[in-house]
Amino acid sequence: MGNCSEACCSNRRKEASMVLTESMMRARQQGCDAESLRSAIKMAEDSGLDAIEARQQYAELMREERQTPEQLQEMLQWAMDTGDGVTLFSVIEEVESRHAVGRSPEDGIAKVAQVSDGSALLDTAVSAQQALLDDLYLAQQRLSDYQDDMRAWLQQLSRKNDRVDEQQLAAALERARRMGVAPEDLAPAQVRLRALEALRASRNSARKSQSKGEVVSASPAVAAAVPRPPEWVPTA
């Protein structure tokens, strides 16, 4: 039974991976609708596959479409559900740029009023916009939590001595940038990364010098082992 279950799970993962790959390819080549890609992402994630790249592609597709407040609200909710700070940051930026909303519901309502044509907004429009602003505020709070976690992780990596993995720190820095972490919060980790790069270069140089030294020091011993011809001694 166990083998059958494992085989079934494996088949589902293969099928989900194939569907996701095809959906991403169609999206690049033909610009398929975002809903098809979203369904493929859900299928992949339900099968235990990593779909971060596909999520980011979905966010790009949503950017290209003209969005109503309801559609943007749905996109925000989806971005929060992914649990991925990079995707959430990208979607938040898009929502803010499209609707000129602020960093809180109160700021957003004021800015929406400023960019309107001065006529009274319909109750339904105000309600939809307020719902979008409420979700945007929640998304910003969620993103702030992700950024706090990333800052703590960078600090932890930077505090390690020689045990810190240079590639791991570089990857964490890149992810923090794409998540919108402020440059000043990245500075200590960047300093630590440059120090690690310098240390690695120094160690490589020392190894090369040591190897050359071993070759040079071995030369006199080799020369001494070679028999020399007898010296010419002049006769009286």
Protein backbone atom coordinates (compact mmCIF):
# COMPACT_ATOMS: atom_id res chain seq x y z
CA MET A 1 0.00 0.00 0.00
CA GLY A 2 2.84 2.34 0.94
CA ASN A 3 4.55 1.84 -2.40
CA CYS A 4 1.28 2.44 -4.24
CA SER A 5 0.66 5.66 -2.29
CA GLU A 6 4.19 6.91 -2.99
CA ALA A 7 3.79 6.06 -6.66
CA CYS A 8 0.47 7.94 -6.84
CA CYS A 9 2.00 11.01 -5.16
CA SER A 10 4.94 10.86 -7.53
CA ASN A 11 2.62 10.70 -10.53
CA ARG A 12 0.58 13.66 -9.26
CA ARG A 13 3.75 15.71 -8.77
CA LYS A 14 4.95 14.88 -12.27
CA GLU A 15 1.57 15.82 -13.73
CA ALA A 16 1.41 19.05 -11.73
CA SER A 17 4.96 19.94 -12.75
CA MET A 18 4.14 19.34 -16.41
CA VAL A 19 0.95 21.43 -16.25
CA LEU A 20 2.79 24.26 -14.47
CA THR A 21 5.65 24.24 -16.98
CA GLU A 22 3.26 24.31 -19.93
CA SER A 23 1.19 27.12 -18.39
CA MET A 24 4.28 29.22 -17.75
CA MET A 25 5.49 28.62 -21.31
CA ARG A 26 2.12 29.59 -22.81
CA ALA A 27 2.06 32.69 -20.64
CA ARG A 28 5.45 33.78 -22.01
CA GLN A 29 4.70 32.96 -25.65
CA GLN A 30 0.99 33.67 -26.01
CA GLY A 31 0.05 35.73 -22.97
CA CYS A 32 -2.52 33.27 -21.64
CA ASP A 33 -4.98 34.47 -19.02
CA ALA A 34 -3.73 34.70 -15.47
CA GLU A 35 -6.42 32.37 -14.15
CA SER A 36 -4.98 29.40 -16.06
CA LEU A 37 -1.57 30.00 -14.56
CA ARG A 38 -3.07 30.51 -11.12
CA SER A 39 -4.87 27.13 -11.34
CA ALA A 40 -1.61 25.46 -12.36
CA ILE A 41 0.20 27.09 -9.42
CA LYS A 42 -2.42 25.82 -6.97
CA MET A 43 -2.19 22.32 -8.42
CA ALA A 44 1.60 22.37 -8.12
CA GLU A 45 1.65 23.67 -4.55
CA ASP A 46 -1.01 21.18 -3.46
CA SER A 47 1.35 18.48 -4.76
CA GLY A 48 4.22 19.85 -2.70
CA LEU A 49 6.10 21.57 -5.53
CA ASP A 50 7.87 24.92 -5.27
CA ALA A 51 6.11 27.46 -7.51
CA ILE A 52 7.84 30.71 -6.53
CA GLU A 53 8.96 31.50 -10.09
CA ALA A 54 5.43 30.85 -11.38
CA ARG A 55 3.95 33.06 -8.65
CA GLN A 56 6.17 35.92 -9.74
CA GLN A 57 5.17 35.38 -13.36
CA TYR A 58 1.51 35.44 -12.31
CA ALA A 59 2.07 38.77 -10.57
CA GLU A 60 3.59 40.15 -13.78
CA LEU A 61 0.58 38.97 -15.78
CA MET A 62 -1.76 40.67 -13.34
CA ARG A 63 0.22 43.87 -13.73
CA GLU A 64 -0.30 43.87 -17.47
CA GLU A 65 -4.09 43.66 -17.16
CA ARG A 66 -6.21 46.65 -16.27
CA GLN A 67 -7.46 45.90 -12.77
CA THR A 68 -10.64 46.97 -10.98
CA PRO A 69 -10.48 47.44 -7.18
CA GLU A 70 -12.14 44.03 -6.79
CA GLN A 71 -9.52 42.35 -8.97
CA LEU A 72 -6.68 44.08 -7.17
CA GLN A 73 -8.17 43.04 -3.85
CA GLU A 74 -8.26 39.43 -5.04
CA MET A 75 -4.64 39.70 -6.17
CA LEU A 76 -3.63 41.08 -2.76
CA GLN A 77 -5.37 38.24 -0.96
CA TRP A 78 -3.66 35.72 -3.22
CA ALA A 79 -0.25 37.32 -2.59
CA MET A 80 -0.79 37.11 1.17
CA ASP A 81 -1.78 33.45 0.86
CA THR A 82 1.47 32.59 -0.93
CA GLY A 83 3.53 33.37 2.17
CA ASP A 84 6.27 34.76 -0.08
CA GLY A 85 7.59 38.21 0.84
CA VAL A 86 9.05 38.90 -2.62
CA THR A 87 5.73 38.26 -4.36
CA LEU A 88 3.81 40.26 -1.74
CA PHE A 89 6.14 43.25 -2.09
CA SER A 90 5.75 43.20 -5.88
CA VAL A 91 1.94 43.08 -5.70
CA ILE A 92 1.74 45.83 -3.06
CA GLU A 93 3.87 48.12 -5.21
CA GLU A 94 1.58 47.50 -8.17
CA VAL A 95 -1.60 48.21 -6.20
CA GLU A 96 -0.16 51.41 -4.74
CA SER A 97 1.00 52.67 -8.13
CA ARG A 98 -2.28 51.92 -9.91
CA HIS A 99 -4.59 53.51 -7.40
CA ALA A 100 -2.33 56.14 -5.82
CA VAL A 101 -3.14 54.81 -2.37
CA GLY A 102 -1.19 55.59 0.77
CA ARG A 103 0.36 53.58 3.56
CA SER A 104 -2.89 53.36 5.56
CA PRO A 105 -6.63 53.25 4.78
CA GLU A 106 -7.06 56.87 5.91
CA ASP A 107 -4.24 58.12 3.66
CA GLY A 108 -5.59 56.07 0.79
CA ILE A 109 -9.09 57.55 0.95
CA ALA A 110 -7.64 61.07 0.98
CA LYS A 111 -5.45 60.37 -2.07
CA VAL A 112 -8.26 58.73 -3.98
CA ALA A 113 -10.36 61.83 -3.39
CA GLN A 114 -7.52 64.02 -4.63
CA VAL A 115 -7.15 62.17 -7.94
CA SER A 116 -10.91 62.02 -8.60
CA ASP A 117 -12.62 64.53 -10.88
CA GLY A 118 -14.33 66.23 -7.97
CA SER A 119 -17.69 64.50 -8.41
CA ALA A 120 -19.26 62.49 -5.62
CA LEU A 121 -18.18 58.86 -5.69
CA LEU A 122 -20.91 56.26 -5.80
CA ASP A 123 -21.43 54.29 -2.60
CA THR A 124 -20.49 51.05 -4.33
CA ALA A 125 -17.25 52.52 -5.63
CA VAL A 126 -16.35 53.88 -2.21
CA SER A 127 -17.13 50.51 -0.64
CA ALA A 128 -14.98 48.63 -3.16
CA GLN A 129 -12.14 51.10 -2.74
CA GLN A 130 -12.33 50.91 1.05
CA ALA A 131 -12.25 47.11 0.93
CA LEU A 132 -9.15 47.30 -1.28
CA LEU A 133 -7.49 49.75 1.11
CA ASP A 134 -8.29 47.54 4.10
CA ASP A 135 -6.67 44.55 2.39
CA LEU A 136 -3.73 46.69 1.31
CA TYR A 137 -3.15 47.76 4.90
CA LEU A 138 -3.23 44.11 6.04
CA ALA A 139 -0.82 43.17 3.25
CA GLN A 140 1.57 45.94 4.30
CA GLN A 141 1.50 44.66 7.87
CA ARG A 142 2.18 41.12 6.67
CA LEU A 143 5.06 42.35 4.52
CA SER A 144 6.47 44.27 7.49
CA ASP A 145 6.52 41.02 9.47
CA TYR A 146 8.36 39.25 6.63
CA GLN A 147 10.89 42.09 6.45
CA ASP A 148 11.44 41.94 10.23
CA ASP A 149 12.11 38.20 9.96
CA MET A 150 14.55 38.80 7.10
CA ARG A 151 16.40 41.52 9.03
CA ALA A 152 16.73 39.16 12.01
CA TRP A 153 18.02 36.40 9.72
CA LEU A 154 20.61 38.72 8.17
CA GLN A 155 21.78 39.77 11.63
CA GLN A 156 22.10 36.15 12.68
CA LEU A 157 24.10 35.28 9.58
CA SER A 158 26.34 38.32 10.01
CA ARG A 159 27.15 37.47 13.65
CA LYS A 160 28.60 34.07 12.82
CA ASN A 161 32.36 33.89 12.62
CA ASP A 162 34.05 31.76 9.97
CA ARG A 163 31.15 29.31 9.99
CA VAL A 164 28.88 31.59 7.99
CA ASP A 165 28.20 30.43 4.45
CA GLU A 166 29.16 33.17 1.98
CA GLN A 167 26.67 31.97 -0.64
CA GLN A 168 23.90 31.73 1.94
CA LEU A 169 24.51 35.30 3.07
CA ALA A 170 24.61 36.56 -0.54
CA ALA A 171 21.31 34.79 -1.31
CA ALA A 172 19.68 36.22 1.82
CA LEU A 173 20.82 39.74 0.87
CA GLU A 174 19.38 39.41 -2.64
CA ARG A 175 16.07 38.15 -1.30
CA ALA A 176 15.94 40.99 1.25
CA ARG A 177 16.46 43.55 -1.55
CA ARG A 178 13.64 42.05 -3.60
CA MET A 179 11.44 42.08 -0.50
CA GLY A 180 11.88 45.83 -0.10
CA VAL A 181 14.11 45.84 2.99
CA ALA A 182 15.62 49.32 3.42
CA PRO A 183 19.23 49.74 2.17
CA GLU A 184 20.42 50.93 5.59
CA ASP A 185 19.22 47.64 7.09
CA LEU A 186 21.22 45.72 4.50
CA ALA A 187 24.48 47.62 5.10
CA PRO A 188 25.88 45.49 8.01
CA ALA A 189 25.30 42.26 6.10
CA GLN A 190 26.90 43.77 2.97
CA VAL A 191 29.99 44.71 5.01
CA ARG A 192 30.13 41.17 6.40
CA LEU A 193 29.79 39.69 2.91
CA ARG A 194 32.65 41.84 1.56
CA ALA A 195 34.79 40.72 4.53
CA LEU A 196 34.02 37.07 3.75
CA GLU A 197 34.89 37.58 0.08
CA ALA A 198 38.18 39.21 1.06
CA LEU A 199 38.94 36.39 3.52
CA ARG A 200 38.27 33.77 0.86
CA ALA A 201 40.54 35.58 -1.61
CA SER A 202 43.28 35.84 1.01
CA ARG A 203 43.09 32.15 1.86
CA ASN A 204 43.21 31.18 -1.81
CA SER A 205 46.26 33.36 -2.29
CA ALA A 206 47.95 31.84 0.77
CA ARG A 207 47.29 28.31 -0.52
CA LYS A 208 48.83 29.17 -3.88
CA SER A 209 51.89 30.71 -2.20
CA GLN A 210 52.27 27.69 0.06
CA SER A 211 52.10 25.34 -2.92
CA LYS A 212 54.81 27.33 -4.71
CA GLY A 213 56.94 27.34 -1.55
CA GLU A 214 56.77 23.57 -1.25
CA VAL A 215 57.98 23.17 -4.83
CA VAL A 216 60.88 25.61 -4.29
CA SER A 217 61.95 24.05 -0.98
CA ALA A 218 62.01 20.61 -2.55
CA SER A 219 64.45 21.70 -5.27
CA PRO A 220 67.73 21.73 -3.19
CA ALA A 221 67.03 18.25 -1.84
CA VAL A 222 66.52 16.96 -5.32
CA ALA A 223 69.70 18.63 -6.52
CA ALA A 224 71.69 17.16 -3.62
CA ALA A 225 70.57 13.67 -4.52
CA VAL A 226 72.00 13.93 -8.03
CA PRO A 227 75.62 12.57 -8.10
CA ARG A 228 78.20 15.13 -9.09
CA PRO A 229 81.27 14.43 -11.17
CA PRO A 230 84.55 14.42 -9.19
CA GLU A 231 86.22 17.79 -8.99
CA TRP A 232 89.36 18.24 -11.10
CA VAL A 233 92.39 18.37 -8.91
CA PRO A 234 95.53 19.78 -10.62
CA THR A 235 98.69 17.65 -10.37
CA ALA A 236 101.82 19.09 -8.95
